[in-house]
Amino acid sequence: MNLKEMLIKENIVKIKNKDEEPFTLKSGKKSRLFIDIKEASLNPEILDKIKWEFFKIYGFNTDPEGLFMKYERIGSVAIGGIPVATIISYFSKVPQIIVRSEKHDRGTQSQIIGNCKDKRVLLIEDVATSGGSIVSAVKAIRDAGGVCNECLVIVDRQEGAFQNCKDNKIKLLSLLKKSDFGINEEM
């Protein structure tokens, strides 16, 4: 079973027909597609599938050292990307960093957990919509002295993230896109 089929079977991806009331997203927008991707990371079988799909993109299946040679840190945006980045970090042996949505007002007052100074970082996020959280996280990594020019997401909702990332010199890759689910948002 492929990742798309697994997400639908486990009701992580929910699709409404055109004649049904659409879902209301966090942004307030209406959509026929709702992706509860955080739930996917609670399912070990799906999390494992995501890991292997990720490794296919980066050639880890054929060259386990390849990912380590290209990146020195696996970054994640809190909270959605953390489980996926953790499993990828664990299996690739590339250390992980976490990017908070904002700086803490206590302790080191850092937005980054872990060291990324002078390190090549691959950012992991769960879902991309506008790309705002990705751009903010990459900016935080760059401000902390890291080099981050690439982000991998599980699902790109195709609502501006690709262009926003491109405008900020970030290559956005995704395992799945909204169009893979046959969704045309014209309601």
Foldseek 3Di string as FASTA:
>chain_A
DALVVVCVVVVQKAFDDPVDFFDQDPVRDGFRIDGNQLVLLVDVVSLVNLLVLVCVVQVCVPPLCRVVVQWQEEEEEPPAFVSSSVVNCVSSVRHYKYAYQAFDPDDPSARIRDAAAVTEYEYEGAEAAQQVSVLSRCVSSVVRRHHAAEYEYAEYAPHNNCVVSVVVNHHYHYSYYVVVVVTDGPD
